[in-house]
Amino acid sequence: MRAQKLVLTVASLLLALGTLLVFVAVDAHSHSASDTIRPFLITMVPIWAAFGLVLWAATGPRSNGPDDR
């Protein structure tokens, strides 16, 4: 369980760093706010959603078997 928390923490930090790098890359080639925000969100929202699903699956309640109530 401790290793899982460490892996999720490192993955969260990498996602934050990646988000920042994507924003900087998109912002470098834009001329207005809408040129920055729209491509950034189109790129990052699916990644954030996938990561959220991974976090939900990894940290969800554990069942002990089919008869767990």
PDB file of N, CA and C in Angstrom:
ATOM      1  N   MET A   1       0.829  -1.200   0.000  1.00  0.00           N
ATOM      2  CA  MET A   1       0.000   0.000   0.000  1.00  0.00           C
ATOM      3  C   MET A   1       0.867   1.255   0.000  1.00  0.00           C
ATOM      4  N   ARG A   2       1.973   1.186   0.731  1.00  0.00           N
ATOM      5  CA  ARG A   2       2.868   2.336   0.809  1.00  0.00           C
ATOM      6  C   ARG A   2       3.519   2.623  -0.543  1.00  0.00           C
ATOM      7  N   ALA A   3       3.898   1.559  -1.249  1.00  0.00           N
ATOM      8  CA  ALA A   3       4.497   1.722  -2.575  1.00  0.00           C
ATOM      9  C   ALA A   3       3.480   2.306  -3.550  1.00  0.00           C
ATOM     10  N   GLN A   4       2.223   1.898  -3.417  1.00  0.00           N
ATOM     11  CA  GLN A   4       1.167   2.412  -4.296  1.00  0.00           C
ATOM     12  C   GLN A   4       1.000   3.920  -4.095  1.00  0.00           C
ATOM     13  N   LYS A   5       1.028   4.370  -2.853  1.00  0.00           N
ATOM     14  CA  LYS A   5       0.910   5.809  -2.578  1.00  0.00           C
ATOM     15  C   LYS A   5       2.097   6.572  -3.167  1.00  0.00           C
ATOM     16  N   LEU A   6       3.278   5.991  -3.065  1.00  0.00           N
ATOM     17  CA  LEU A   6       4.462   6.630  -3.628  1.00  0.00           C
ATOM     18  C   LEU A   6       4.345   6.732  -5.145  1.00  0.00           C
ATOM     19  N   VAL A   7       3.913   5.663  -5.788  1.00  0.00           N
ATOM     20  CA  VAL A   7       3.757   5.666  -7.244  1.00  0.00           C
ATOM     21  C   VAL A   7       2.712   6.694  -7.665  1.00  0.00           C
ATOM     22  N   LEU A   8       1.585   6.765  -6.965  1.00  0.00           N
ATOM     23  CA  LEU A   8       0.543   7.729  -7.302  1.00  0.00           C
ATOM     24  C   LEU A   8       1.002   9.163  -7.069  1.00  0.00           C
ATOM     25  N   THR A   9       1.794   9.381  -6.041  1.00  0.00           N
ATOM     26  CA  THR A   9       2.325  10.721  -5.775  1.00  0.00           C
ATOM     27  C   THR A   9       3.289  11.148  -6.872  1.00  0.00           C
ATOM     28  N   VAL A  10       4.192  10.245  -7.253  1.00  0.00           N
ATOM     29  CA  VAL A  10       5.143  10.562  -8.326  1.00  0.00           C
ATOM     30  C   VAL A  10       4.392  10.800  -9.639  1.00  0.00           C
ATOM     31  N   ALA A  11       3.389   9.968  -9.927  1.00  0.00           N
ATOM     32  CA  ALA A  11       2.597  10.138 -11.148  1.00  0.00           C
ATOM     33  C   ALA A  11       1.861  11.475 -11.136  1.00  0.00           C
ATOM     34  N   SER A  12       1.341  11.881  -9.994  1.00  0.00           N
ATOM     35  CA  SER A  12       0.659  13.174  -9.892  1.00  0.00           C
ATOM     36  C   SER A  12       1.626  14.329 -10.139  1.00  0.00           C
ATOM     37  N   LEU A  13       2.814  14.219  -9.600  1.00  0.00           N
ATOM     38  CA  LEU A  13       3.819  15.267  -9.822  1.00  0.00           C
ATOM     39  C   LEU A  13       4.235  15.320 -11.294  1.00  0.00           C
ATOM     40  N   LEU A  14       4.382  14.167 -11.927  1.00  0.00           N
ATOM     41  CA  LEU A  14       4.721  14.136 -13.351  1.00  0.00           C
ATOM     42  C   LEU A  14       3.593  14.719 -14.195  1.00  0.00           C
ATOM     43  N   LEU A  15       2.352  14.449 -13.817  1.00  0.00           N
ATOM     44  CA  LEU A  15       1.218  15.026 -14.534  1.00  0.00           C
ATOM     45  C   LEU A  15       1.214  16.549 -14.393  1.00  0.00           C
ATOM     46  N   ALA A  16       1.495  17.038 -13.201  1.00  0.00           N
ATOM     47  CA  ALA A  16       1.548  18.488 -12.994  1.00  0.00           C
ATOM     48  C   ALA A  16       2.671  19.113 -13.826  1.00  0.00           C
ATOM     49  N   LEU A  17       3.822  18.486 -13.843  1.00  0.00           N
ATOM     50  CA  LEU A  17       4.938  18.991 -14.645  1.00  0.00           C
ATOM     51  C   LEU A  17       4.600  18.941 -16.136  1.00  0.00           C
ATOM     52  N   GLY A  18       4.014  17.836 -16.573  1.00  0.00           N
ATOM     53  CA  GLY A  18       3.612  17.709 -17.970  1.00  0.00           C
ATOM     54  C   GLY A  18       2.578  18.748 -18.364  1.00  0.00           C
ATOM     55  N   THR A  19       1.644  19.015 -17.466  1.00  0.00           N
ATOM     56  CA  THR A  19       0.625  20.035 -17.724  1.00  0.00           C
ATOM     57  C   THR A  19       1.275  21.397 -17.915  1.00  0.00           C
ATOM     58  N   LEU A  20       2.216  21.717 -17.062  1.00  0.00           N
ATOM     59  CA  LEU A  20       2.928  22.992 -17.181  1.00  0.00           C
ATOM     60  C   LEU A  20       3.693  23.067 -18.498  1.00  0.00           C
ATOM     61  N   LEU A  21       4.377  22.005 -18.865  1.00  0.00           N
ATOM     62  CA  LEU A  21       5.153  22.007 -20.104  1.00  0.00           C
ATOM     63  C   LEU A  21       4.263  22.123 -21.335  1.00  0.00           C
ATOM     64  N   VAL A  22       3.114  21.451 -21.311  1.00  0.00           N
ATOM     65  CA  VAL A  22       2.173  21.570 -22.427  1.00  0.00           C
ATOM     66  C   VAL A  22       1.655  22.998 -22.529  1.00  0.00           C
ATOM     67  N   PHE A  23       1.328  23.598 -21.399  1.00  0.00           N
ATOM     68  CA  PHE A  23       0.842  24.983 -21.426  1.00  0.00           C
ATOM     69  C   PHE A  23       1.890  25.926 -22.002  1.00  0.00           C
ATOM     70  N   VAL A  24       3.125  25.759 -21.579  1.00  0.00           N
ATOM     71  CA  VAL A  24       4.201  26.621 -22.078  1.00  0.00           C
ATOM     72  C   VAL A  24       4.373  26.429 -23.585  1.00  0.00           C
ATOM     73  N   ALA A  25       4.319  25.182 -24.042  1.00  0.00           N
ATOM     74  CA  ALA A  25       4.474  24.911 -25.476  1.00  0.00           C
ATOM     75  C   ALA A  25       3.326  25.509 -26.284  1.00  0.00           C
ATOM     76  N   VAL A  26       2.107  25.372 -25.792  1.00  0.00           N
ATOM     77  CA  VAL A  26       0.955  25.922 -26.506  1.00  0.00           C
ATOM     78  C   VAL A  26       1.000  27.448 -26.476  1.00  0.00           C
ATOM     79  N   ASP A  27       1.348  28.012 -25.346  1.00  0.00           N
ATOM     80  CA  ASP A  27       1.376  29.469 -25.203  1.00  0.00           C
ATOM     81  C   ASP A  27       2.459  30.111 -26.069  1.00  0.00           C
ATOM     82  N   ALA A  28       3.531  29.398 -26.327  1.00  0.00           N
ATOM     83  CA  ALA A  28       4.632  29.951 -27.111  1.00  0.00           C
ATOM     84  C   ALA A  28       4.224  30.230 -28.553  1.00  0.00           C
ATOM     85  N   HIS A  29       3.221  29.516 -29.045  1.00  0.00           N
ATOM     86  CA  HIS A  29       2.819  29.655 -30.443  1.00  0.00           C
ATOM     87  C   HIS A  29       1.443  30.292 -30.605  1.00  0.00           C
ATOM     88  N   SER A  30       0.953  30.971 -29.585  1.00  0.00           N
ATOM     89  CA  SER A  30      -0.384  31.547 -29.678  1.00  0.00           C
ATOM     90  C   SER A  30      -0.311  33.072 -29.718  1.00  0.00           C
ATOM     91  N   HIS A  31      -1.380  33.652 -30.245  1.00  0.00           N
ATOM     92  CA  HIS A  31      -1.433  35.102 -30.371  1.00  0.00           C
ATOM     93  C   HIS A  31      -2.492  35.730 -29.470  1.00  0.00           C
ATOM     94  N   SER A  32      -3.365  34.910 -28.906  1.00  0.00           N
ATOM     95  CA  SER A  32      -4.406  35.439 -28.023  1.00  0.00           C
ATOM     96  C   SER A  32      -4.723  34.395 -26.964  1.00  0.00           C
ATOM     97  N   ALA A  33      -5.541  34.796 -25.999  1.00  0.00           N
ATOM     98  CA  ALA A  33      -5.908  33.878 -24.920  1.00  0.00           C
ATOM     99  C   ALA A  33      -6.658  32.660 -25.442  1.00  0.00           C
ATOM    100  N   SER A  34      -7.551  32.868 -26.417  1.00  0.00           N
ATOM    101  CA  SER A  34      -8.311  31.728 -26.936  1.00  0.00           C
ATOM    102  C   SER A  34      -7.418  30.783 -27.735  1.00  0.00           C
ATOM    103  N   ASP A  35      -6.339  31.326 -28.331  1.00  0.00           N
ATOM    104  CA  ASP A  35      -5.373  30.470 -29.020  1.00  0.00           C
ATOM    105  C   ASP A  35      -4.581  29.622 -28.039  1.00  0.00           C
ATOM    106  N   THR A  36      -4.559  30.015 -26.790  1.00  0.00           N
ATOM    107  CA  THR A  36      -3.842  29.253 -25.772  1.00  0.00           C
ATOM    108  C   THR A  36      -4.765  28.266 -25.072  1.00  0.00           C
ATOM    109  N   ILE A  37      -5.889  28.735 -24.593  1.00  0.00           N
ATOM    110  CA  ILE A  37      -6.758  27.922 -23.740  1.00  0.00           C
ATOM    111  C   ILE A  37      -7.387  26.755 -24.491  1.00  0.00           C
ATOM    112  N   ARG A  38      -7.943  26.998 -25.658  1.00  0.00           N
ATOM    113  CA  ARG A  38      -8.661  25.948 -26.389  1.00  0.00           C
ATOM    114  C   ARG A  38      -7.768  24.748 -26.719  1.00  0.00           C
ATOM    115  N   PRO A  39      -6.612  24.929 -27.371  1.00  0.00           N
ATOM    116  CA  PRO A  39      -5.767  23.768 -27.661  1.00  0.00           C
ATOM    117  C   PRO A  39      -5.227  23.099 -26.393  1.00  0.00           C
ATOM    118  N   PHE A  40      -4.959  23.920 -25.384  1.00  0.00           N
ATOM    119  CA  PHE A  40      -4.477  23.364 -24.122  1.00  0.00           C
ATOM    120  C   PHE A  40      -5.518  22.439 -23.513  1.00  0.00           C
ATOM    121  N   LEU A  41      -6.761  22.893 -23.456  1.00  0.00           N
ATOM    122  CA  LEU A  41      -7.815  22.067 -22.867  1.00  0.00           C
ATOM    123  C   LEU A  41      -8.121  20.840 -23.722  1.00  0.00           C
ATOM    124  N   ILE A  42      -8.115  21.001 -25.046  1.00  0.00           N
ATOM    125  CA  ILE A  42      -8.359  19.862 -25.923  1.00  0.00           C
ATOM    126  C   ILE A  42      -7.283  18.798 -25.712  1.00  0.00           C
ATOM    127  N   THR A  43      -6.074  19.225 -25.444  1.00  0.00           N
ATOM    128  CA  THR A  43      -4.973  18.289 -25.217  1.00  0.00           C
ATOM    129  C   THR A  43      -5.023  17.668 -23.821  1.00  0.00           C
ATOM    130  N   MET A  44      -5.285  18.471 -22.806  1.00  0.00           N
ATOM    131  CA  MET A  44      -5.095  18.011 -21.437  1.00  0.00           C
ATOM    132  C   MET A  44      -6.317  17.377 -20.783  1.00  0.00           C
ATOM    133  N   VAL A  45      -7.517  17.772 -21.143  1.00  0.00           N
ATOM    134  CA  VAL A  45      -8.708  17.230 -20.471  1.00  0.00           C
ATOM    135  C   VAL A  45      -8.791  15.705 -20.587  1.00  0.00           C
ATOM    136  N   PRO A  46      -8.555  15.107 -21.763  1.00  0.00           N
ATOM    137  CA  PRO A  46      -8.591  13.637 -21.802  1.00  0.00           C
ATOM    138  C   PRO A  46      -7.516  12.987 -20.916  1.00  0.00           C
ATOM    139  N   ILE A  47      -6.361  13.622 -20.829  1.00  0.00           N
ATOM    140  CA  ILE A  47      -5.288  13.079 -19.993  1.00  0.00           C
ATOM    141  C   ILE A  47      -5.666  13.186 -18.522  1.00  0.00           C
ATOM    142  N   TRP A  48      -6.217  14.333 -18.121  1.00  0.00           N
ATOM    143  CA  TRP A  48      -6.659  14.493 -16.733  1.00  0.00           C
ATOM    144  C   TRP A  48      -7.773  13.499 -16.400  1.00  0.00           C
ATOM    145  N   ALA A  49      -8.693  13.297 -17.332  1.00  0.00           N
ATOM    146  CA  ALA A  49      -9.795  12.355 -17.104  1.00  0.00           C
ATOM    147  C   ALA A  49      -9.266  10.931 -16.948  1.00  0.00           C
ATOM    148  N   ALA A  50      -8.351  10.545 -17.802  1.00  0.00           N
ATOM    149  CA  ALA A  50      -7.765   9.203 -17.703  1.00  0.00           C
ATOM    150  C   ALA A  50      -7.025   9.041 -16.378  1.00  0.00           C
ATOM    151  N   PHE A  51      -6.281  10.061 -15.983  1.00  0.00           N
ATOM    152  CA  PHE A  51      -5.564   9.994 -14.713  1.00  0.00           C
ATOM    153  C   PHE A  51      -6.532   9.928 -13.535  1.00  0.00           C
ATOM    154  N   GLY A  52      -7.622  10.678 -13.629  1.00  0.00           N
ATOM    155  CA  GLY A  52      -8.642  10.622 -12.578  1.00  0.00           C
ATOM    156  C   GLY A  52      -9.245   9.230 -12.455  1.00  0.00           C
ATOM    157  N   LEU A  53      -9.493   8.585 -13.582  1.00  0.00           N
ATOM    158  CA  LEU A  53     -10.018   7.217 -13.547  1.00  0.00           C
ATOM    159  C   LEU A  53      -9.006   6.248 -12.932  1.00  0.00           C
ATOM    160  N   VAL A  54      -7.748   6.440 -13.250  1.00  0.00           N
ATOM    161  CA  VAL A  54      -6.708   5.594 -12.657  1.00  0.00           C
ATOM    162  C   VAL A  54      -6.653   5.803 -11.151  1.00  0.00           C
ATOM    163  N   LEU A  55      -6.700   7.058 -10.720  1.00  0.00           N
ATOM    164  CA  LEU A  55      -6.698   7.332  -9.279  1.00  0.00           C
ATOM    165  C   LEU A  55      -7.918   6.724  -8.601  1.00  0.00           C
ATOM    166  N   TRP A  56      -9.072   6.870  -9.237  1.00  0.00           N
ATOM    167  CA  TRP A  56     -10.306   6.321  -8.672  1.00  0.00           C
ATOM    168  C   TRP A  56     -10.205   4.798  -8.558  1.00  0.00           C
ATOM    169  N   ALA A  57      -9.700   4.147  -9.580  1.00  0.00           N
ATOM    170  CA  ALA A  57      -9.573   2.691  -9.556  1.00  0.00           C
ATOM    171  C   ALA A  57      -8.521   2.233  -8.545  1.00  0.00           C
ATOM    172  N   ALA A  58      -7.439   2.992  -8.433  1.00  0.00           N
ATOM    173  CA  ALA A  58      -6.350   2.595  -7.544  1.00  0.00           C
ATOM    174  C   ALA A  58      -6.657   2.862  -6.078  1.00  0.00           C
ATOM    175  N   THR A  59      -7.467   3.857  -5.796  1.00  0.00           N
ATOM    176  CA  THR A  59      -7.714   4.219  -4.400  1.00  0.00           C
ATOM    177  C   THR A  59      -9.121   3.870  -3.935  1.00  0.00           C
ATOM    178  N   GLY A  60      -9.893   3.231  -4.792  1.00  0.00           N
ATOM    179  CA  GLY A  60     -11.257   2.868  -4.424  1.00  0.00           C
ATOM    180  C   GLY A  60     -11.283   1.833  -3.317  1.00  0.00           C
ATOM    181  N   PRO A  61     -12.465   1.609  -2.768  1.00  0.00           N
ATOM    182  CA  PRO A  61     -12.575   0.622  -1.693  1.00  0.00           C
ATOM    183  C   PRO A  61     -12.233  -0.778  -2.190  1.00  0.00           C
ATOM    184  N   ARG A  62     -11.567  -1.522  -1.363  1.00  0.00           N
ATOM    185  CA  ARG A  62     -11.174  -2.888  -1.702  1.00  0.00           C
ATOM    186  C   ARG A  62     -12.225  -3.858  -1.184  1.00  0.00           C
ATOM    187  N   SER A  63     -12.557  -4.826  -1.990  1.00  0.00           N
ATOM    188  CA  SER A  63     -13.480  -5.862  -1.529  1.00  0.00           C
ATOM    189  C   SER A  63     -12.674  -7.108  -1.166  1.00  0.00           C
ATOM    190  N   ASN A  64     -13.197  -7.854  -0.236  1.00  0.00           N
ATOM    191  CA  ASN A  64     -12.519  -9.070   0.206  1.00  0.00           C
ATOM    192  C   ASN A  64     -12.960 -10.295  -0.579  1.00  0.00           C
ATOM    193  N   GLY A  65     -13.932 -10.149  -1.418  1.00  0.00           N
ATOM    194  CA  GLY A  65     -14.413 -11.273  -2.205  1.00  0.00           C
ATOM    195  C   GLY A  65     -15.844 -11.043  -2.620  1.00  0.00           C
ATOM    196  N   PRO A  66     -16.444 -12.048  -3.241  1.00  0.00           N
ATOM    197  CA  PRO A  66     -17.807 -11.878  -3.742  1.00  0.00           C
ATOM    198  C   PRO A  66     -18.851 -11.723  -2.632  1.00  0.00           C
ATOM    199  N   ASP A  67     -18.544 -12.153  -1.427  1.00  0.00           N
ATOM    200  CA  ASP A  67     -19.511 -12.066  -0.332  1.00  0.00           C
ATOM    201  C   ASP A  67     -19.276 -10.854   0.562  1.00  0.00           C
ATOM    202  N   ASP A  68     -18.427  -9.945   0.134  1.00  0.00           N
ATOM    203  CA  ASP A  68     -18.138  -8.751   0.929  1.00  0.00           C
ATOM    204  C   ASP A  68     -19.356  -7.829   0.943  1.00  0.00           C
ATOM    205  N   ARG A  69     -19.860  -7.534   2.118  1.00  0.00           N
ATOM    206  CA  ARG A  69     -21.060  -6.679   2.240  1.00  0.00           C
ATOM    207  C   ARG A  69     -20.829  -5.577   3.225  1.00  0.00           C
TER     208      ARG A  69
END
